[in-house]
Amino acid sequence: MARNKDGDAKAPKEKKTGRLAQIWQVFKITRQQDPLVGWYMLLAFLVTFGVILVVGLLLNLGWIFAVFGVMSGILVATIVMSRRAERAAYRQIEGQTGAAGAALTSIRRGWYTDREPVAADVNRPGDFTSAAVVYRALGRAGVVLVGEGPTGRVQKLLVAEKKRVERVAPGVPVTLMRVGNGEDEVPISKLASKVQRLRPQITKDEMSVVNKRLKSLGGMKAPLPKGIDPTRARMDRKALRGK
């Protein structure tokens, strides 16, 4: 093969980030939101290592268990960092318009989700804090409608959207949720897990048919006023996955 003037047969490939580099990057991101993450990781490592070492000494296998304790301690410390990174990621988007959509799209398997809202109600252009929006997810549990914003307006949107869904998918379960920290509301940090824990009620084939019918509904009847970006809430994917 003829080489180019620089002597390279083809353009150099981009270097992939190594596992340790990924962990260090997640640690730095998490520490910005959670300054104590390093101490929790150290505590997790020491407790895990100490327990395993004591067991090894009692069995006269100190060196073997010490090595195993180091490896296990690192693993547990990484898990602790991953959990706290997830919490930090949710704290980063909590209260922002579009947080519910960002949380729903973190669900990867078995669900159809979309970051774009299916319904919205805004009092006046530019008033982001009073915006009420509804997001939709579809899985084996049926259709899940998630609202965020002022309770009264969100509830009206949820009821209206439920009627729209039931017209094109009669008999399919529709679950309503509101994001928030009040009564009968789901904290943003628990939204994805709560949705995933819903009991399956339809088959995968039925889910595929329902998804096509929901797409026929289209998006919002009226666009959001200029300046509102329901996708501006961005969750740190690496922090959420612990990678």
C-alpha atoms as a PDB file:
ATOM      1  CA  MET A   1       0.000   0.000   0.000  1.00  0.00           C
ATOM      2  CA  ALA A   2       1.326   3.410  -0.928  1.00  0.00           C
ATOM      3  CA  ARG A   3       1.931   5.625   2.077  1.00  0.00           C
ATOM      4  CA  ASN A   4       0.952   9.257   2.228  1.00  0.00           C
ATOM      5  CA  LYS A   5       3.453  12.074   2.477  1.00  0.00           C
ATOM      6  CA  ASP A   6       3.556  11.814   6.240  1.00  0.00           C
ATOM      7  CA  GLY A   7       4.495   8.140   6.005  1.00  0.00           C
ATOM      8  CA  ASP A   8       1.225   6.847   7.474  1.00  0.00           C
ATOM      9  CA  ALA A   9      -0.856   4.278   5.650  1.00  0.00           C
ATOM     10  CA  LYS A  10      -4.032   5.545   7.310  1.00  0.00           C
ATOM     11  CA  ALA A  11      -5.146   8.038   9.911  1.00  0.00           C
ATOM     12  CA  PRO A  12      -4.261   7.112  13.477  1.00  0.00           C
ATOM     13  CA  LYS A  13      -7.042   5.637  15.559  1.00  0.00           C
ATOM     14  CA  GLU A  14      -8.312   7.468  18.612  1.00  0.00           C
ATOM     15  CA  LYS A  15      -7.105   6.036  21.873  1.00  0.00           C
ATOM     16  CA  LYS A  16      -9.746   4.410  23.990  1.00  0.00           C
ATOM     17  CA  THR A  17      -9.954   5.536  27.587  1.00  0.00           C
ATOM     18  CA  GLY A  18      -8.648   2.822  29.894  1.00  0.00           C
ATOM     19  CA  ARG A  19     -10.648   1.378  32.777  1.00  0.00           C
ATOM     20  CA  LEU A  20      -8.528   3.081  35.450  1.00  0.00           C
ATOM     21  CA  ALA A  21      -8.754   6.390  33.606  1.00  0.00           C
ATOM     22  CA  GLN A  22     -12.549   6.032  33.475  1.00  0.00           C
ATOM     23  CA  ILE A  23     -12.739   5.324  37.207  1.00  0.00           C
ATOM     24  CA  TRP A  24     -10.523   8.328  37.971  1.00  0.00           C
ATOM     25  CA  GLN A  25     -12.662  10.537  35.743  1.00  0.00           C
ATOM     26  CA  VAL A  26     -15.860   9.409  37.477  1.00  0.00           C
ATOM     27  CA  PHE A  27     -14.217   9.970  40.862  1.00  0.00           C
ATOM     28  CA  LYS A  28     -13.278  13.559  39.974  1.00  0.00           C
ATOM     29  CA  ILE A  29     -16.775  14.315  38.669  1.00  0.00           C
ATOM     30  CA  THR A  30     -18.396  12.789  41.738  1.00  0.00           C
ATOM     31  CA  ARG A  31     -16.087  14.610  44.152  1.00  0.00           C
ATOM     32  CA  GLN A  32     -17.307  17.940  42.765  1.00  0.00           C
ATOM     33  CA  GLN A  33     -20.822  17.123  43.967  1.00  0.00           C
ATOM     34  CA  ASP A  34     -19.858  14.864  46.884  1.00  0.00           C
ATOM     35  CA  PRO A  35     -16.601  15.949  48.620  1.00  0.00           C
ATOM     36  CA  LEU A  36     -16.817  13.019  51.061  1.00  0.00           C
ATOM     37  CA  VAL A  37     -16.795  10.304  48.405  1.00  0.00           C
ATOM     38  CA  GLY A  38     -13.072   9.605  48.926  1.00  0.00           C
ATOM     39  CA  TRP A  39     -13.525   9.013  52.657  1.00  0.00           C
ATOM     40  CA  TYR A  40     -16.467   6.674  52.080  1.00  0.00           C
ATOM     41  CA  MET A  41     -14.407   4.716  49.581  1.00  0.00           C
ATOM     42  CA  LEU A  42     -11.494   4.474  52.016  1.00  0.00           C
ATOM     43  CA  LEU A  43     -13.807   3.323  54.802  1.00  0.00           C
ATOM     44  CA  ALA A  44     -15.370   0.687  52.537  1.00  0.00           C
ATOM     45  CA  PHE A  45     -11.915  -0.580  51.547  1.00  0.00           C
ATOM     46  CA  LEU A  46     -10.603  -0.761  55.121  1.00  0.00           C
ATOM     47  CA  VAL A  47     -13.682  -2.504  56.516  1.00  0.00           C
ATOM     48  CA  THR A  48     -13.737  -5.072  53.707  1.00  0.00           C
ATOM     49  CA  PHE A  49      -9.990  -5.695  53.899  1.00  0.00           C
ATOM     50  CA  GLY A  50     -10.045  -5.897  57.696  1.00  0.00           C
ATOM     51  CA  VAL A  51     -12.874  -8.433  57.867  1.00  0.00           C
ATOM     52  CA  ILE A  52     -11.303 -10.705  55.251  1.00  0.00           C
ATOM     53  CA  LEU A  53      -7.857 -10.428  56.852  1.00  0.00           C
ATOM     54  CA  VAL A  54      -9.200 -11.397  60.277  1.00  0.00           C
ATOM     55  CA  VAL A  55     -10.876 -14.464  58.754  1.00  0.00           C
ATOM     56  CA  GLY A  56      -7.601 -15.356  57.036  1.00  0.00           C
ATOM     57  CA  LEU A  57      -5.613 -15.055  60.271  1.00  0.00           C
ATOM     58  CA  LEU A  58      -8.073 -17.284  62.073  1.00  0.00           C
ATOM     59  CA  LEU A  59      -7.577 -19.904  59.359  1.00  0.00           C
ATOM     60  CA  ASN A  60      -3.800 -19.440  59.281  1.00  0.00           C
ATOM     61  CA  LEU A  61      -4.051 -18.242  55.700  1.00  0.00           C
ATOM     62  CA  GLY A  62      -3.133 -14.622  56.331  1.00  0.00           C
ATOM     63  CA  TRP A  63      -1.176 -13.882  53.125  1.00  0.00           C
ATOM     64  CA  ILE A  64      -3.702 -15.480  50.819  1.00  0.00           C
ATOM     65  CA  PHE A  65      -6.626 -13.715  52.448  1.00  0.00           C
ATOM     66  CA  ALA A  66      -4.681 -10.438  52.545  1.00  0.00           C
ATOM     67  CA  VAL A  67      -4.367 -10.465  48.755  1.00  0.00           C
ATOM     68  CA  PHE A  68      -8.004 -11.436  48.421  1.00  0.00           C
ATOM     69  CA  GLY A  69      -8.895  -8.682  50.897  1.00  0.00           C
ATOM     70  CA  VAL A  70      -7.106  -6.026  48.837  1.00  0.00           C
ATOM     71  CA  MET A  71      -8.904  -7.082  45.680  1.00  0.00           C
ATOM     72  CA  SER A  72     -12.268  -7.253  47.426  1.00  0.00           C
ATOM     73  CA  GLY A  73     -11.668  -3.912  49.148  1.00  0.00           C
ATOM     74  CA  ILE A  74     -10.982  -2.206  45.817  1.00  0.00           C
ATOM     75  CA  LEU A  75     -14.117  -3.756  44.337  1.00  0.00           C
ATOM     76  CA  VAL A  76     -16.322  -2.632  47.233  1.00  0.00           C
ATOM     77  CA  ALA A  77     -14.800   0.864  47.200  1.00  0.00           C
ATOM     78  CA  THR A  78     -15.549   1.118  43.464  1.00  0.00           C
ATOM     79  CA  ILE A  79     -19.144   0.035  44.060  1.00  0.00           C
ATOM     80  CA  VAL A  80     -19.513   2.686  46.769  1.00  0.00           C
ATOM     81  CA  MET A  81     -18.163   5.310  44.374  1.00  0.00           C
ATOM     82  CA  SER A  82     -20.589   4.158  41.680  1.00  0.00           C
ATOM     83  CA  ARG A  83     -23.583   4.468  44.016  1.00  0.00           C
ATOM     84  CA  ARG A  84     -22.569   7.917  45.196  1.00  0.00           C
ATOM     85  CA  ALA A  85     -21.822   8.966  41.620  1.00  0.00           C
ATOM     86  CA  GLU A  86     -25.364   7.998  40.695  1.00  0.00           C
ATOM     87  CA  ARG A  87     -26.758  10.114  43.525  1.00  0.00           C
ATOM     88  CA  ALA A  88     -24.547  13.033  42.493  1.00  0.00           C
ATOM     89  CA  ALA A  89     -25.781  12.752  38.904  1.00  0.00           C
ATOM     90  CA  TYR A  90     -29.398  12.933  40.033  1.00  0.00           C
ATOM     91  CA  ARG A  91     -28.686  15.878  42.338  1.00  0.00           C
ATOM     92  CA  GLN A  92     -27.155  17.657  39.371  1.00  0.00           C
ATOM     93  CA  ILE A  93     -30.399  17.569  37.380  1.00  0.00           C
ATOM     94  CA  GLU A  94     -32.931  17.711  40.220  1.00  0.00           C
ATOM     95  CA  GLY A  95     -35.319  20.640  39.874  1.00  0.00           C
ATOM     96  CA  GLN A  96     -34.445  21.317  36.236  1.00  0.00           C
ATOM     97  CA  THR A  97     -37.058  21.241  33.512  1.00  0.00           C
ATOM     98  CA  GLY A  98     -36.543  17.952  31.680  1.00  0.00           C
ATOM     99  CA  ALA A  99     -35.121  16.045  34.660  1.00  0.00           C
ATOM    100  CA  ALA A 100     -37.822  13.372  34.405  1.00  0.00           C
ATOM    101  CA  GLY A 101     -37.049  12.829  30.725  1.00  0.00           C
ATOM    102  CA  ALA A 102     -33.339  12.495  31.466  1.00  0.00           C
ATOM    103  CA  ALA A 103     -34.036   9.978  34.242  1.00  0.00           C
ATOM    104  CA  LEU A 104     -36.345   7.897  32.054  1.00  0.00           C
ATOM    105  CA  THR A 105     -33.807   7.682  29.230  1.00  0.00           C
ATOM    106  CA  SER A 106     -31.330   6.159  31.683  1.00  0.00           C
ATOM    107  CA  ILE A 107     -33.486   3.006  31.453  1.00  0.00           C
ATOM    108  CA  ARG A 108     -31.788   0.965  28.768  1.00  0.00           C
ATOM    109  CA  ARG A 109     -33.439  -2.457  28.511  1.00  0.00           C
ATOM    110  CA  GLY A 110     -37.037  -3.441  27.989  1.00  0.00           C
ATOM    111  CA  TRP A 111     -38.457   0.079  27.725  1.00  0.00           C
ATOM    112  CA  TYR A 112     -39.251   2.589  25.013  1.00  0.00           C
ATOM    113  CA  THR A 113     -38.435   6.039  26.365  1.00  0.00           C
ATOM    114  CA  ASP A 114     -38.015   9.507  24.910  1.00  0.00           C
ATOM    115  CA  ARG A 115     -36.345  12.614  26.277  1.00  0.00           C
ATOM    116  CA  GLU A 116     -38.946  14.792  24.546  1.00  0.00           C
ATOM    117  CA  PRO A 117     -42.187  15.489  26.474  1.00  0.00           C
ATOM    118  CA  VAL A 118     -45.515  14.365  25.011  1.00  0.00           C
ATOM    119  CA  ALA A 119     -47.472  17.223  26.618  1.00  0.00           C
ATOM    120  CA  ALA A 120     -46.640  20.603  28.123  1.00  0.00           C
ATOM    121  CA  ASP A 121     -48.338  23.590  29.730  1.00  0.00           C
ATOM    122  CA  VAL A 122     -46.527  26.904  30.185  1.00  0.00           C
ATOM    123  CA  ASN A 123     -48.101  30.029  31.675  1.00  0.00           C
ATOM    124  CA  ARG A 124     -45.994  32.496  29.740  1.00  0.00           C
ATOM    125  CA  PRO A 125     -42.910  32.388  27.500  1.00  0.00           C
ATOM    126  CA  GLY A 126     -39.654  32.277  29.398  1.00  0.00           C
ATOM    127  CA  ASP A 127     -41.260  31.147  32.665  1.00  0.00           C
ATOM    128  CA  PHE A 128     -39.359  27.880  32.967  1.00  0.00           C
ATOM    129  CA  THR A 129     -40.045  27.361  36.686  1.00  0.00           C
ATOM    130  CA  SER A 130     -43.817  27.129  36.192  1.00  0.00           C
ATOM    131  CA  ALA A 131     -43.705  24.783  33.184  1.00  0.00           C
ATOM    132  CA  ALA A 132     -45.687  21.558  33.528  1.00  0.00           C
ATOM    133  CA  VAL A 133     -44.604  18.692  31.264  1.00  0.00           C
ATOM    134  CA  VAL A 134     -45.436  15.020  30.808  1.00  0.00           C
ATOM    135  CA  TYR A 135     -43.102  12.267  29.587  1.00  0.00           C
ATOM    136  CA  ARG A 136     -44.038   8.800  28.412  1.00  0.00           C
ATOM    137  CA  ALA A 137     -42.418   5.397  28.762  1.00  0.00           C
ATOM    138  CA  LEU A 138     -43.590   2.021  27.467  1.00  0.00           C
ATOM    139  CA  GLY A 139     -42.575  -1.373  28.785  1.00  0.00           C
ATOM    140  CA  ARG A 140     -43.943  -4.770  29.784  1.00  0.00           C
ATOM    141  CA  ALA A 141     -45.777  -2.974  32.611  1.00  0.00           C
ATOM    142  CA  GLY A 142     -47.720  -0.923  30.073  1.00  0.00           C
ATOM    143  CA  VAL A 143     -47.600   2.821  29.543  1.00  0.00           C
ATOM    144  CA  VAL A 144     -46.113   5.058  32.232  1.00  0.00           C
ATOM    145  CA  LEU A 145     -46.823   8.782  32.170  1.00  0.00           C
ATOM    146  CA  VAL A 146     -44.539  10.930  34.300  1.00  0.00           C
ATOM    147  CA  GLY A 147     -45.302  14.561  35.051  1.00  0.00           C
ATOM    148  CA  GLU A 148     -43.133  17.302  36.494  1.00  0.00           C
ATOM    149  CA  GLY A 149     -44.047  20.836  37.488  1.00  0.00           C
ATOM    150  CA  PRO A 150     -46.889  22.465  39.497  1.00  0.00           C
ATOM    151  CA  THR A 151     -49.103  19.700  40.895  1.00  0.00           C
ATOM    152  CA  GLY A 152     -52.494  20.967  39.716  1.00  0.00           C
ATOM    153  CA  ARG A 153     -51.491  21.595  36.122  1.00  0.00           C
ATOM    154  CA  VAL A 154     -49.425  18.422  35.931  1.00  0.00           C
ATOM    155  CA  GLN A 155     -52.373  16.331  37.132  1.00  0.00           C
ATOM    156  CA  LYS A 156     -54.622  17.791  34.414  1.00  0.00           C
ATOM    157  CA  LEU A 157     -51.994  17.044  31.786  1.00  0.00           C
ATOM    158  CA  LEU A 158     -51.586  13.481  33.039  1.00  0.00           C
ATOM    159  CA  VAL A 159     -55.340  12.802  32.939  1.00  0.00           C
ATOM    160  CA  ALA A 160     -55.657  14.271  29.441  1.00  0.00           C
ATOM    161  CA  GLU A 161     -52.671  12.288  28.155  1.00  0.00           C
ATOM    162  CA  LYS A 162     -54.011   9.096  29.725  1.00  0.00           C
ATOM    163  CA  LYS A 163     -57.244   9.522  27.739  1.00  0.00           C
ATOM    164  CA  ARG A 164     -55.233   9.982  24.527  1.00  0.00           C
ATOM    165  CA  VAL A 165     -53.276   6.783  25.214  1.00  0.00           C
ATOM    166  CA  GLU A 166     -56.392   4.783  26.056  1.00  0.00           C
ATOM    167  CA  ARG A 167     -57.998   5.792  22.754  1.00  0.00           C
ATOM    168  CA  VAL A 168     -55.238   4.177  20.683  1.00  0.00           C
ATOM    169  CA  ALA A 169     -54.304   1.386  23.128  1.00  0.00           C
ATOM    170  CA  PRO A 170     -57.481   0.266  24.942  1.00  0.00           C
ATOM    171  CA  GLY A 171     -56.932  -2.273  27.697  1.00  0.00           C
ATOM    172  CA  VAL A 172     -53.252  -1.445  28.133  1.00  0.00           C
ATOM    173  CA  PRO A 173     -52.400  -0.460  31.745  1.00  0.00           C
ATOM    174  CA  VAL A 174     -51.526   3.220  32.161  1.00  0.00           C
ATOM    175  CA  THR A 175     -49.599   4.277  35.277  1.00  0.00           C
ATOM    176  CA  LEU A 176     -49.428   7.923  36.337  1.00  0.00           C
ATOM    177  CA  MET A 177     -46.496   9.349  38.316  1.00  0.00           C
ATOM    178  CA  ARG A 178     -45.468  12.810  39.461  1.00  0.00           C
ATOM    179  CA  VAL A 179     -41.857  13.740  40.092  1.00  0.00           C
ATOM    180  CA  GLY A 180     -41.097  15.600  43.308  1.00  0.00           C
ATOM    181  CA  ASN A 181     -40.469  15.239  47.020  1.00  0.00           C
ATOM    182  CA  GLY A 182     -44.018  15.741  48.253  1.00  0.00           C
ATOM    183  CA  GLU A 183     -46.802  13.346  49.120  1.00  0.00           C
ATOM    184  CA  ASP A 184     -47.678  10.853  46.360  1.00  0.00           C
ATOM    185  CA  GLU A 185     -44.646  12.039  44.382  1.00  0.00           C
ATOM    186  CA  VAL A 186     -41.547  10.133  43.275  1.00  0.00           C
ATOM    187  CA  PRO A 187     -38.079  11.623  43.923  1.00  0.00           C
ATOM    188  CA  ILE A 188     -36.122  12.007  40.693  1.00  0.00           C
ATOM    189  CA  SER A 189     -33.392   9.712  42.058  1.00  0.00           C
ATOM    190  CA  LYS A 190     -35.916   6.855  42.464  1.00  0.00           C
ATOM    191  CA  LEU A 191     -37.930   7.371  39.287  1.00  0.00           C
ATOM    192  CA  ALA A 192     -36.055   4.951  37.014  1.00  0.00           C
ATOM    193  CA  SER A 193     -35.971   2.150  39.604  1.00  0.00           C
ATOM    194  CA  LYS A 194     -39.664   2.596  40.459  1.00  0.00           C
ATOM    195  CA  VAL A 195     -40.634   2.379  36.802  1.00  0.00           C
ATOM    196  CA  GLN A 196     -38.491  -0.726  36.283  1.00  0.00           C
ATOM    197  CA  ARG A 197     -40.051  -2.451  39.303  1.00  0.00           C
ATOM    198  CA  LEU A 198     -43.574  -2.237  37.895  1.00  0.00           C
ATOM    199  CA  ARG A 199     -45.105  -5.669  37.347  1.00  0.00           C
ATOM    200  CA  PRO A 200     -45.135  -6.904  33.713  1.00  0.00           C
ATOM    201  CA  GLN A 201     -48.659  -7.074  32.298  1.00  0.00           C
ATOM    202  CA  ILE A 202     -48.235  -7.253  28.518  1.00  0.00           C
ATOM    203  CA  THR A 203     -46.050  -9.357  26.234  1.00  0.00           C
ATOM    204  CA  LYS A 204     -43.139  -8.097  24.147  1.00  0.00           C
ATOM    205  CA  ASP A 205     -45.186  -8.547  20.972  1.00  0.00           C
ATOM    206  CA  GLU A 206     -48.048  -6.523  22.449  1.00  0.00           C
ATOM    207  CA  MET A 207     -45.559  -3.886  23.551  1.00  0.00           C
ATOM    208  CA  SER A 208     -44.262  -3.533  19.991  1.00  0.00           C
ATOM    209  CA  VAL A 209     -47.804  -3.059  18.655  1.00  0.00           C
ATOM    210  CA  VAL A 210     -48.629  -0.488  21.350  1.00  0.00           C
ATOM    211  CA  ASN A 211     -45.426   1.420  20.573  1.00  0.00           C
ATOM    212  CA  LYS A 212     -46.496   1.796  16.935  1.00  0.00           C
ATOM    213  CA  ARG A 213     -49.913   3.037  18.010  1.00  0.00           C
ATOM    214  CA  LEU A 214     -48.415   5.549  20.425  1.00  0.00           C
ATOM    215  CA  LYS A 215     -46.215   6.910  17.658  1.00  0.00           C
ATOM    216  CA  SER A 216     -49.368   7.629  15.681  1.00  0.00           C
ATOM    217  CA  LEU A 217     -50.346  10.111  18.389  1.00  0.00           C
ATOM    218  CA  GLY A 218     -47.394  12.274  17.426  1.00  0.00           C
ATOM    219  CA  GLY A 219     -45.755  14.728  19.795  1.00  0.00           C
ATOM    220  CA  MET A 220     -47.163  17.675  21.651  1.00  0.00           C
ATOM    221  CA  LYS A 221     -50.173  19.372  20.101  1.00  0.00           C
ATOM    222  CA  ALA A 222     -48.501  22.742  20.450  1.00  0.00           C
ATOM    223  CA  PRO A 223     -44.763  23.438  20.661  1.00  0.00           C
ATOM    224  CA  LEU A 224     -43.223  24.889  23.766  1.00  0.00           C
ATOM    225  CA  PRO A 225     -42.688  28.652  23.662  1.00  0.00           C
ATOM    226  CA  LYS A 226     -39.352  29.748  22.270  1.00  0.00           C
ATOM    227  CA  GLY A 227     -36.629  29.570  24.897  1.00  0.00           C
ATOM    228  CA  ILE A 228     -37.812  26.446  26.680  1.00  0.00           C
ATOM    229  CA  ASP A 229     -35.639  23.430  26.170  1.00  0.00           C
ATOM    230  CA  PRO A 230     -37.117  20.324  27.822  1.00  0.00           C
ATOM    231  CA  THR A 231     -33.880  18.481  27.057  1.00  0.00           C
ATOM    232  CA  ARG A 232     -31.564  20.870  28.865  1.00  0.00           C
ATOM    233  CA  ALA A 233     -31.401  18.629  31.917  1.00  0.00           C
ATOM    234  CA  ARG A 234     -28.465  16.377  31.073  1.00  0.00           C
ATOM    235  CA  MET A 235     -27.505  13.517  33.318  1.00  0.00           C
ATOM    236  CA  ASP A 236     -23.836  12.612  33.513  1.00  0.00           C
ATOM    237  CA  ARG A 237     -23.964   9.179  31.859  1.00  0.00           C
ATOM    238  CA  LYS A 238     -20.535   8.087  33.054  1.00  0.00           C
ATOM    239  CA  ALA A 239     -21.357   8.981  36.626  1.00  0.00           C
ATOM    240  CA  LEU A 240     -24.722   7.246  36.436  1.00  0.00           C
ATOM    241  CA  ARG A 241     -23.247   4.026  35.080  1.00  0.00           C
ATOM    242  CA  GLY A 242     -20.186   4.165  37.299  1.00  0.00           C
ATOM    243  CA  LYS A 243     -17.880   4.071  34.258  1.00  0.00           C
END
